Structures are given as C-alpha cells and as structure tokens.
Amino acid sequence: MRGLAVGLWLAVLPVAGGAADTGAGAATYARICAYCHDTGIGPVLQGRALPPEYIIGVVRNGRAAMPAFRPAEIDDATLTDIAGTIARAPAKQESAP
C-alpha cells in the first residue's frame, strides 16, 4: 500500500512555484492531499484544529505512511497556505445514507 501512496503523490508533482495567493492552499490540498486524507486512506485532517506548525513538520518530515514532501515538491509559501487551510477547516459533515 505504501508503494501505491508514494506513486500516487509522485503523479501530481511538482507544485513548487509561489502559489500562495488566495485559495492556493485549498486548491493544492484538493490536488495533492485530499486523495488520501478525504477518502479514509490517511487520517482525517479537517476539523481537528491541528496547529499549522505541526502540519508543516509532518509534511516536511513524513510520518508513518505519509511521505515527506521537499520544498522542490511543495514550496514553503504553498505549504504554509495548505497548513493554514487545514488548521481553519471545519469538520466535514457526514452525508446521510
């Protein structure tokens, strides 16, 4: 499974390049992070009030099955925007069956 996750994130790179304008964090999250974190593969991030510094640390260093993303893959400005987006995001509402 780890090989699949690493292969999937490689398919969407690179994202470097100063994309820290309004909405860049949400757009980058949707393009790179949501595949795992919004589908039950990785832990749910939204609605947990995780500190941006923690998110940045995990993204840069990796943790368990989460690969590390280098600045060449997600630049610092975009990562800061992603971390803020996740930190402020409300919990997703469960849809009724």
PDB file of N, CA and C in Angstrom:
ATOM      1  N   MET A   1       0.822  -1.192   0.000  1.00  0.00           N
ATOM      2  CA  MET A   1       0.000   0.000   0.000  1.00  0.00           C
ATOM      3  C   MET A   1       0.863   1.251   0.000  1.00  0.00           C
ATOM      4  N   ARG A   2       1.981   1.211   0.738  1.00  0.00           N
ATOM      5  CA  ARG A   2       2.860   2.378   0.795  1.00  0.00           C
ATOM      6  C   ARG A   2       3.382   2.725  -0.590  1.00  0.00           C
ATOM      7  N   GLY A   3       3.744   1.715  -1.384  1.00  0.00           N
ATOM      8  CA  GLY A   3       4.222   1.965  -2.741  1.00  0.00           C
ATOM      9  C   GLY A   3       3.168   2.655  -3.579  1.00  0.00           C
ATOM     10  N   LEU A   4       1.928   2.253  -3.426  1.00  0.00           N
ATOM     11  CA  LEU A   4       0.828   2.882  -4.151  1.00  0.00           C
ATOM     12  C   LEU A   4       0.683   4.339  -3.754  1.00  0.00           C
ATOM     13  N   ALA A   5       0.732   4.621  -2.457  1.00  0.00           N
ATOM     14  CA  ALA A   5       0.592   6.004  -1.989  1.00  0.00           C
ATOM     15  C   ALA A   5       1.730   6.875  -2.505  1.00  0.00           C
ATOM     16  N   VAL A   6       2.950   6.357  -2.464  1.00  0.00           N
ATOM     17  CA  VAL A   6       4.086   7.133  -2.946  1.00  0.00           C
ATOM     18  C   VAL A   6       3.954   7.367  -4.438  1.00  0.00           C
ATOM     19  N   GLY A   7       3.557   6.351  -5.178  1.00  0.00           N
ATOM     20  CA  GLY A   7       3.374   6.501  -6.616  1.00  0.00           C
ATOM     21  C   GLY A   7       2.301   7.519  -6.953  1.00  0.00           C
ATOM     22  N   LEU A   8       1.231   7.548  -6.180  1.00  0.00           N
ATOM     23  CA  LEU A   8       0.149   8.496  -6.435  1.00  0.00           C
ATOM     24  C   LEU A   8       0.583   9.930  -6.196  1.00  0.00           C
ATOM     25  N   TRP A   9       1.337  10.171  -5.124  1.00  0.00           N
ATOM     26  CA  TRP A   9       1.746  11.557  -4.898  1.00  0.00           C
ATOM     27  C   TRP A   9       2.790  11.986  -5.895  1.00  0.00           C
ATOM     28  N   LEU A  10       3.603  11.075  -6.392  1.00  0.00           N
ATOM     29  CA  LEU A  10       4.569  11.435  -7.424  1.00  0.00           C
ATOM     30  C   LEU A  10       3.873  11.867  -8.708  1.00  0.00           C
ATOM     31  N   ALA A  11       2.713  11.314  -8.970  1.00  0.00           N
ATOM     32  CA  ALA A  11       1.987  11.633 -10.197  1.00  0.00           C
ATOM     33  C   ALA A  11       1.472  13.064 -10.240  1.00  0.00           C
ATOM     34  N   VAL A  12       1.346  13.716  -9.096  1.00  0.00           N
ATOM     35  CA  VAL A  12       0.788  15.063  -9.078  1.00  0.00           C
ATOM     36  C   VAL A  12       1.833  16.155  -8.868  1.00  0.00           C
ATOM     37  N   LEU A  13       3.103  15.789  -8.812  1.00  0.00           N
ATOM     38  CA  LEU A  13       4.167  16.760  -8.577  1.00  0.00           C
ATOM     39  C   LEU A  13       4.740  17.242  -9.898  1.00  0.00           C
ATOM     40  N   PRO A  14       5.431  18.344  -9.962  1.00  0.00           N
ATOM     41  CA  PRO A  14       5.749  19.270  -8.885  1.00  0.00           C
ATOM     42  C   PRO A  14       4.701  20.346  -8.713  1.00  0.00           C
ATOM     43  N   VAL A  15       4.706  20.979  -7.517  1.00  0.00           N
ATOM     44  CA  VAL A  15       3.799  22.067  -7.232  1.00  0.00           C
ATOM     45  C   VAL A  15       4.554  23.317  -6.829  1.00  0.00           C
ATOM     46  N   ALA A  16       5.861  23.270  -6.849  1.00  0.00           N
ATOM     47  CA  ALA A  16       6.669  24.409  -6.419  1.00  0.00           C
ATOM     48  C   ALA A  16       6.385  25.621  -7.293  1.00  0.00           C
ATOM     49  N   GLY A  17       6.542  26.809  -6.693  1.00  0.00           N
ATOM     50  CA  GLY A  17       6.437  27.990  -7.508  1.00  0.00           C
ATOM     51  C   GLY A  17       5.602  29.120  -6.960  1.00  0.00           C
ATOM     52  N   GLY A  18       5.615  29.375  -5.671  1.00  0.00           N
ATOM     53  CA  GLY A  18       4.991  30.577  -5.131  1.00  0.00           C
ATOM     54  C   GLY A  18       3.506  30.672  -5.372  1.00  0.00           C
ATOM     55  N   ALA A  19       2.755  29.649  -5.071  1.00  0.00           N
ATOM     56  CA  ALA A  19       1.322  29.647  -5.314  1.00  0.00           C
ATOM     57  C   ALA A  19       0.541  30.089  -4.091  1.00  0.00           C
ATOM     58  N   ALA A  20       1.062  31.008  -3.317  1.00  0.00           N
ATOM     59  CA  ALA A  20       0.443  31.361  -2.049  1.00  0.00           C
ATOM     60  C   ALA A  20      -0.627  32.431  -2.172  1.00  0.00           C
ATOM     61  N   ASP A  21      -1.245  32.593  -3.341  1.00  0.00           N
ATOM     62  CA  ASP A  21      -2.331  33.558  -3.449  1.00  0.00           C
ATOM     63  C   ASP A  21      -3.587  32.994  -2.799  1.00  0.00           C
ATOM     64  N   THR A  22      -4.628  33.780  -2.716  1.00  0.00           N
ATOM     65  CA  THR A  22      -5.863  33.356  -2.063  1.00  0.00           C
ATOM     66  C   THR A  22      -6.409  32.097  -2.705  1.00  0.00           C
ATOM     67  N   GLY A  23      -6.682  31.103  -1.887  1.00  0.00           N
ATOM     68  CA  GLY A  23      -7.245  29.861  -2.384  1.00  0.00           C
ATOM     69  C   GLY A  23      -6.226  28.834  -2.814  1.00  0.00           C
ATOM     70  N   ALA A  24      -4.933  29.186  -2.841  1.00  0.00           N
ATOM     71  CA  ALA A  24      -3.914  28.239  -3.285  1.00  0.00           C
ATOM     72  C   ALA A  24      -3.821  27.047  -2.337  1.00  0.00           C
ATOM     73  N   GLY A  25      -3.959  27.287  -1.040  1.00  0.00           N
ATOM     74  CA  GLY A  25      -3.887  26.189  -0.073  1.00  0.00           C
ATOM     75  C   GLY A  25      -4.999  25.184  -0.291  1.00  0.00           C
ATOM     76  N   ALA A  26      -6.206  25.675  -0.466  1.00  0.00           N
ATOM     77  CA  ALA A  26      -7.346  24.778  -0.692  1.00  0.00           C
ATOM     78  C   ALA A  26      -7.206  24.024  -2.007  1.00  0.00           C
ATOM     79  N   ALA A  27      -6.752  24.713  -3.050  1.00  0.00           N
ATOM     80  CA  ALA A  27      -6.598  24.071  -4.354  1.00  0.00           C
ATOM     81  C   ALA A  27      -5.499  23.019  -4.317  1.00  0.00           C
ATOM     82  N   THR A  28      -4.395  23.333  -3.659  1.00  0.00           N
ATOM     83  CA  THR A  28      -3.295  22.371  -3.565  1.00  0.00           C
ATOM     84  C   THR A  28      -3.691  21.201  -2.687  1.00  0.00           C
ATOM     85  N   TYR A  29      -4.392  21.467  -1.591  1.00  0.00           N
ATOM     86  CA  TYR A  29      -4.897  20.385  -0.740  1.00  0.00           C
ATOM     87  C   TYR A  29      -5.773  19.445  -1.576  1.00  0.00           C
ATOM     88  N   ALA A  30      -6.673  20.006  -2.354  1.00  0.00           N
ATOM     89  CA  ALA A  30      -7.576  19.184  -3.174  1.00  0.00           C
ATOM     90  C   ALA A  30      -6.797  18.349  -4.187  1.00  0.00           C
ATOM     91  N   ARG A  31      -5.727  18.906  -4.723  1.00  0.00           N
ATOM     92  CA  ARG A  31      -4.965  18.223  -5.758  1.00  0.00           C
ATOM     93  C   ARG A  31      -4.011  17.173  -5.203  1.00  0.00           C
ATOM     94  N   ILE A  32      -3.446  17.402  -4.024  1.00  0.00           N
ATOM     95  CA  ILE A  32      -2.407  16.505  -3.516  1.00  0.00           C
ATOM     96  C   ILE A  32      -2.831  15.731  -2.266  1.00  0.00           C
ATOM     97  N   CYS A  33      -3.448  16.390  -1.326  1.00  0.00           N
ATOM     98  CA  CYS A  33      -3.704  15.802  -0.006  1.00  0.00           C
ATOM     99  C   CYS A  33      -5.021  15.041   0.085  1.00  0.00           C
ATOM    100  N   ALA A  34      -6.046  15.556  -0.587  1.00  0.00           N
ATOM    101  CA  ALA A  34      -7.394  15.015  -0.426  1.00  0.00           C
ATOM    102  C   ALA A  34      -7.510  13.558  -0.835  1.00  0.00           C
ATOM    103  N   TYR A  35      -6.709  13.125  -1.808  1.00  0.00           N
ATOM    104  CA  TYR A  35      -6.816  11.736  -2.265  1.00  0.00           C
ATOM    105  C   TYR A  35      -6.701  10.764  -1.091  1.00  0.00           C
ATOM    106  N   CYS A  36      -5.774  11.016  -0.194  1.00  0.00           N
ATOM    107  CA  CYS A  36      -5.614  10.130   0.964  1.00  0.00           C
ATOM    108  C   CYS A  36      -6.417  10.599   2.175  1.00  0.00           C
ATOM    109  N   HIS A  37      -6.359  11.900   2.466  1.00  0.00           N
ATOM    110  CA  HIS A  37      -6.927  12.395   3.718  1.00  0.00           C
ATOM    111  C   HIS A  37      -8.437  12.608   3.687  1.00  0.00           C
ATOM    112  N   ASP A  38      -9.049  12.569   2.530  1.00  0.00           N
ATOM    113  CA  ASP A  38     -10.504  12.704   2.458  1.00  0.00           C
ATOM    114  C   ASP A  38     -11.184  11.412   2.012  1.00  0.00           C
ATOM    115  N   THR A  39     -10.434  10.329   1.906  1.00  0.00           N
ATOM    116  CA  THR A  39     -11.009   9.076   1.420  1.00  0.00           C
ATOM    117  C   THR A  39     -10.835   7.911   2.390  1.00  0.00           C
ATOM    118  N   GLY A  40     -10.263   8.165   3.563  1.00  0.00           N
ATOM    119  CA  GLY A  40     -10.094   7.095   4.538  1.00  0.00           C
ATOM    120  C   GLY A  40      -8.768   6.366   4.432  1.00  0.00           C
ATOM    121  N   ILE A  41      -7.923   6.732   3.478  1.00  0.00           N
ATOM    122  CA  ILE A  41      -6.607   6.104   3.378  1.00  0.00           C
ATOM    123  C   ILE A  41      -5.703   6.655   4.478  1.00  0.00           C
ATOM    124  N   GLY A  42      -5.673   7.981   4.595  1.00  0.00           N
ATOM    125  CA  GLY A  42      -4.914   8.644   5.654  1.00  0.00           C
ATOM    126  C   GLY A  42      -5.874   9.218   6.673  1.00  0.00           C
ATOM    127  N   PRO A  43      -5.349   9.713   7.783  1.00  0.00           N
ATOM    128  CA  PRO A  43      -6.240  10.261   8.810  1.00  0.00           C
ATOM    129  C   PRO A  43      -6.950  11.527   8.326  1.00  0.00           C
ATOM    130  N   VAL A  44      -8.132  11.748   8.844  1.00  0.00           N
ATOM    131  CA  VAL A  44      -8.881  12.972   8.561  1.00  0.00           C
ATOM    132  C   VAL A  44      -8.120  14.122   9.208  1.00  0.00           C
ATOM    133  N   LEU A  45      -7.944  15.206   8.468  1.00  0.00           N
ATOM    134  CA  LEU A  45      -7.221  16.371   8.985  1.00  0.00           C
ATOM    135  C   LEU A  45      -8.149  17.521   9.314  1.00  0.00           C
ATOM    136  N   GLN A  46      -9.185  17.704   8.520  1.00  0.00           N
ATOM    137  CA  GLN A  46     -10.063  18.850   8.678  1.00  0.00           C
ATOM    138  C   GLN A  46     -10.920  18.723   9.927  1.00  0.00           C
ATOM    139  N   GLY A  47     -11.085  19.846  10.612  1.00  0.00           N
ATOM    140  CA  GLY A  47     -11.924  19.874  11.805  1.00  0.00           C
ATOM    141  C   GLY A  47     -11.207  19.448  13.068  1.00  0.00           C
ATOM    142  N   ARG A  48      -9.894  19.228  13.004  1.00  0.00           N
ATOM    143  CA  ARG A  48      -9.145  18.782  14.187  1.00  0.00           C
ATOM    144  C   ARG A  48      -8.356  19.907  14.837  1.00  0.00           C
ATOM    145  N   ALA A  49      -8.387  21.091  14.266  1.00  0.00           N
ATOM    146  CA  ALA A  49      -7.661  22.256  14.791  1.00  0.00           C
ATOM    147  C   ALA A  49      -6.184  21.943  15.015  1.00  0.00           C
ATOM    148  N   LEU A  50      -5.581  21.237  14.063  1.00  0.00           N
ATOM    149  CA  LEU A  50      -4.156  20.940  14.157  1.00  0.00           C
ATOM    150  C   LEU A  50      -3.364  22.232  13.959  1.00  0.00           C
ATOM    151  N   PRO A  51      -2.329  22.449  14.760  1.00  0.00           N
ATOM    152  CA  PRO A  51      -1.530  23.659  14.598  1.00  0.00           C
ATOM    153  C   PRO A  51      -0.800  23.644  13.250  1.00  0.00           C
ATOM    154  N   PRO A  52      -0.752  24.772  12.563  1.00  0.00           N
ATOM    155  CA  PRO A  52      -0.051  24.823  11.275  1.00  0.00           C
ATOM    156  C   PRO A  52       1.396  24.333  11.366  1.00  0.00           C
ATOM    157  N   GLU A  53       2.071  24.627  12.472  1.00  0.00           N
ATOM    158  CA  GLU A  53       3.467  24.200  12.637  1.00  0.00           C
ATOM    159  C   GLU A  53       3.572  22.674  12.640  1.00  0.00           C
ATOM    160  N   TYR A  54       2.615  22.010  13.250  1.00  0.00           N
ATOM    161  CA  TYR A  54       2.595  20.545  13.269  1.00  0.00           C
ATOM    162  C   TYR A  54       2.403  20.003  11.854  1.00  0.00           C
ATOM    163  N   ILE A  55       1.458  20.573  11.128  1.00  0.00           N
ATOM    164  CA  ILE A  55       1.176  20.130   9.756  1.00  0.00           C
ATOM    165  C   ILE A  55       2.420  20.300   8.892  1.00  0.00           C
ATOM    166  N   ILE A  56       3.060  21.435   8.982  1.00  0.00           N
ATOM    167  CA  ILE A  56       4.268  21.696   8.198  1.00  0.00           C
ATOM    168  C   ILE A  56       5.354  20.683   8.547  1.00  0.00           C
ATOM    169  N   GLY A  57       5.537  20.409   9.827  1.00  0.00           N
ATOM    170  CA  GLY A  57       6.541  19.432  10.259  1.00  0.00           C
ATOM    171  C   GLY A  57       6.291  18.044   9.698  1.00  0.00           C
ATOM    172  N   VAL A  58       5.042  17.600   9.724  1.00  0.00           N
ATOM    173  CA  VAL A  58       4.715  16.276   9.197  1.00  0.00           C
ATOM    174  C   VAL A  58       4.900  16.236   7.684  1.00  0.00           C
ATOM    175  N   VAL A  59       4.482  17.281   6.996  1.00  0.00           N
ATOM    176  CA  VAL A  59       4.635  17.314   5.537  1.00  0.00           C
ATOM    177  C   VAL A  59       6.117  17.297   5.158  1.00  0.00           C
ATOM    178  N   ARG A  60       6.937  18.052   5.845  1.00  0.00           N
ATOM    179  CA  ARG A  60       8.364  18.114   5.504  1.00  0.00           C
ATOM    180  C   ARG A  60       9.135  16.860   5.912  1.00  0.00           C
ATOM    181  N   ASN A  61       8.730  16.217   7.017  1.00  0.00           N
ATOM    182  CA  ASN A  61       9.493  15.091   7.549  1.00  0.00           C
ATOM    183  C   ASN A  61       8.837  13.731   7.333  1.00  0.00           C
ATOM    184  N   GLY A  62       7.559  13.719   6.983  1.00  0.00           N
ATOM    185  CA  GLY A  62       6.835  12.459   6.851  1.00  0.00           C
ATOM    186  C   GLY A  62       6.477  11.899   8.218  1.00  0.00           C
ATOM    187  N   ARG A  63       5.587  10.930   8.209  1.00  0.00           N
ATOM    188  CA  ARG A  63       5.185  10.270   9.457  1.00  0.00           C
ATOM    189  C   ARG A  63       4.405   9.022   9.085  1.00  0.00           C
ATOM    190  N   ALA A  64       4.818   7.872   9.619  1.00  0.00           N
ATOM    191  CA  ALA A  64       4.192   6.583   9.298  1.00  0.00           C
ATOM    192  C   ALA A  64       4.139   6.415   7.772  1.00  0.00           C
ATOM    193  N   ALA A  65       2.963   6.249   7.186  1.00  0.00           N
ATOM    194  CA  ALA A  65       2.853   6.056   5.736  1.00  0.00           C
ATOM    195  C   ALA A  65       2.885   7.362   4.952  1.00  0.00           C
ATOM    196  N   MET A  66       2.853   8.488   5.648  1.00  0.00           N
ATOM    197  CA  MET A  66       2.886   9.797   4.996  1.00  0.00           C
ATOM    198  C   MET A  66       4.305  10.081   4.513  1.00  0.00           C
ATOM    199  N   PRO A  67       4.480  10.266   3.195  1.00  0.00           N
ATOM    200  CA  PRO A  67       5.823  10.584   2.702  1.00  0.00           C
ATOM    201  C   PRO A  67       6.190  12.033   3.011  1.00  0.00           C
ATOM    202  N   ALA A  68       7.472  12.305   3.075  1.00  0.00           N
ATOM    203  CA  ALA A  68       7.949  13.688   3.237  1.00  0.00           C
ATOM    204  C   ALA A  68       7.897  14.369   1.877  1.00  0.00           C
ATOM    205  N   PHE A  69       7.481  15.633   1.881  1.00  0.00           N
ATOM    206  CA  PHE A  69       7.464  16.443   0.667  1.00  0.00           C
ATOM    207  C   PHE A  69       8.549  17.503   0.793  1.00  0.00           C
ATOM    208  N   ARG A  70       9.468  17.537  -0.158  1.00  0.00           N
ATOM    209  CA  ARG A  70      10.564  18.504  -0.158  1.00  0.00           C
ATOM    210  C   ARG A  70      10.084  19.857  -0.686  1.00  0.00           C
ATOM    211  N   PRO A  71      10.841  20.928  -0.391  1.00  0.00           N
ATOM    212  CA  PRO A  71      10.474  22.253  -0.919  1.00  0.00           C
ATOM    213  C   PRO A  71      10.411  22.292  -2.448  1.00  0.00           C
ATOM    214  N   ALA A  72      11.141  21.424  -3.110  1.00  0.00           N
ATOM    215  CA  ALA A  72      11.066  21.366  -4.573  1.00  0.00           C
ATOM    216  C   ALA A  72       9.727  20.789  -5.038  1.00  0.00           C
ATOM    217  N   GLU A  73       9.026  20.096  -4.152  1.00  0.00           N
ATOM    218  CA  GLU A  73       7.742  19.485  -4.490  1.00  0.00           C
ATOM    219  C   GLU A  73       6.563  20.362  -4.059  1.00  0.00           C
ATOM    220  N   ILE A  74       6.649  20.918  -2.866  1.00  0.00           N
ATOM    221  CA  ILE A  74       5.662  21.895  -2.369  1.00  0.00           C
ATOM    222  C   ILE A  74       6.475  23.015  -1.736  1.00  0.00           C
ATOM    223  N   ASP A  75       6.456  24.191  -2.351  1.00  0.00           N
ATOM    224  CA  ASP A  75       7.266  25.293  -1.825  1.00  0.00           C
ATOM    225  C   ASP A  75       6.745  25.762  -0.470  1.00  0.00           C
ATOM    226  N   ASP A  76       7.594  26.480   0.251  1.00  0.00           N
ATOM    227  CA  ASP A  76       7.260  26.910   1.612  1.00  0.00           C
ATOM    228  C   ASP A  76       6.001  27.764   1.678  1.00  0.00           C
ATOM    229  N   ALA A  77       5.833  28.685   0.745  1.00  0.00           N
ATOM    230  CA  ALA A  77       4.654  29.556   0.763  1.00  0.00           C
ATOM    231  C   ALA A  77       3.375  28.748   0.571  1.00  0.00           C
ATOM    232  N   THR A  78       3.395  27.801  -0.360  1.00  0.00           N
ATOM    233  CA  THR A  78       2.213  26.970  -0.591  1.00  0.00           C
ATOM    234  C   THR A  78       1.943  26.074   0.602  1.00  0.00           C
ATOM    235  N   LEU A  79       2.997  25.502   1.183  1.00  0.00           N
ATOM    236  CA  LEU A  79       2.823  24.645   2.354  1.00  0.00           C
ATOM    237  C   LEU A  79       2.242  25.423   3.526  1.00  0.00           C
ATOM    238  N   THR A  80       2.700  26.648   3.729  1.00  0.00           N
ATOM    239  CA  THR A  80       2.144  27.488   4.787  1.00  0.00           C
ATOM    240  C   THR A  80       0.656  27.744   4.548  1.00  0.00           C
ATOM    241  N   ASP A  81       0.291  27.974   3.289  1.00  0.00           N
ATOM    242  CA  ASP A  81      -1.112  28.200   2.946  1.00  0.00           C
ATOM    243  C   ASP A  81      -1.941  26.928   3.162  1.00  0.00           C
ATOM    244  N   ILE A  82      -1.402  25.776   2.772  1.00  0.00           N
ATOM    245  CA  ILE A  82      -2.094  24.495   2.995  1.00  0.00           C
ATOM    246  C   ILE A  82      -2.304  24.274   4.491  1.00  0.00           C
ATOM    247  N   ALA A  83      -1.250  24.496   5.284  1.00  0.00           N
ATOM    248  CA  ALA A  83      -1.336  24.279   6.734  1.00  0.00           C
ATOM    249  C   ALA A  83      -2.398  25.180   7.357  1.00  0.00           C
ATOM    250  N   GLY A  84      -2.458  26.429   6.925  1.00  0.00           N
ATOM    251  CA  GLY A  84      -3.490  27.338   7.430  1.00  0.00           C
ATOM    252  C   GLY A  84      -4.882  26.908   7.018  1.00  0.00           C
ATOM    253  N   THR A  85      -5.001  26.439   5.791  1.00  0.00           N
ATOM    254  CA  THR A  85      -6.293  25.960   5.295  1.00  0.00           C
ATOM    255  C   THR A  85      -6.779  24.775   6.132  1.00  0.00           C
ATOM    256  N   ILE A  86      -5.887  23.828   6.397  1.00  0.00           N
ATOM    257  CA  ILE A  86      -6.253  22.649   7.197  1.00  0.00           C
ATOM    258  C   ILE A  86      -6.578  23.065   8.633  1.00  0.00           C
ATOM    259  N   ALA A  87      -5.768  23.933   9.216  1.00  0.00           N
ATOM    260  CA  ALA A  87      -5.960  24.344  10.608  1.00  0.00           C
ATOM    261  C   ALA A  87      -7.303  25.039  10.816  1.00  0.00           C
ATOM    262  N   ARG A  88      -7.760  25.780   9.816  1.00  0.00           N
ATOM    263  CA  ARG A  88      -9.022  26.538   9.936  1.00  0.00           C
ATOM    264  C   ARG A  88     -10.243  25.760   9.451  1.00  0.00           C
ATOM    265  N   ALA A  89     -10.030  24.634   8.798  1.00  0.00           N
ATOM    266  CA  ALA A  89     -11.139  23.918   8.171  1.00  0.00           C
ATOM    267  C   ALA A  89     -12.083  23.310   9.210  1.00  0.00           C
ATOM    268  N   PRO A  90     -13.380  23.486   9.014  1.00  0.00           N
ATOM    269  CA  PRO A  90     -14.340  22.824   9.898  1.00  0.00           C
ATOM    270  C   PRO A  90     -14.416  21.341   9.548  1.00  0.00           C
ATOM    271  N   ALA A  91     -14.927  20.566  10.456  1.00  0.00           N
ATOM    272  CA  ALA A  91     -15.111  19.134  10.184  1.00  0.00           C
ATOM    273  C   ALA A  91     -16.101  18.959   9.050  1.00  0.00           C
ATOM    274  N   LYS A  92     -15.842  17.969   8.203  1.00  0.00           N
ATOM    275  CA  LYS A  92     -16.770  17.678   7.114  1.00  0.00           C
ATOM    276  C   LYS A  92     -18.002  16.999   7.686  1.00  0.00           C
ATOM    277  N   GLN A  93     -19.144  17.368   7.174  1.00  0.00           N
ATOM    278  CA  GLN A  93     -20.410  16.771   7.606  1.00  0.00           C
ATOM    279  C   GLN A  93     -20.597  15.429   6.927  1.00  0.00           C
ATOM    280  N   GLU A  94     -21.020  14.448   7.688  1.00  0.00           N
ATOM    281  CA  GLU A  94     -21.319  13.127   7.133  1.00  0.00           C
ATOM    282  C   GLU A  94     -22.617  13.236   6.335  1.00  0.00           C
ATOM    283  N   SER A  95     -22.634  12.636   5.159  1.00  0.00           N
ATOM    284  CA  SER A  95     -23.876  12.653   4.368  1.00  0.00           C
ATOM    285  C   SER A  95     -24.752  11.469   4.786  1.00  0.00           C
ATOM    286  N   ALA A  96     -26.034  11.702   4.803  1.00  0.00           N
ATOM    287  CA  ALA A  96     -26.986  10.672   5.207  1.00  0.00           C
ATOM    288  C   ALA A  96     -27.070   9.604   4.130  1.00  0.00           C
ATOM    289  N   PRO A  97     -27.186   8.331   4.523  1.00  0.00           N
ATOM    290  CA  PRO A  97     -27.269   7.238   3.526  1.00  0.00           C
ATOM    291  C   PRO A  97     -28.559   7.223   2.751  1.00  0.00           C
TER     292      PRO A  97
END
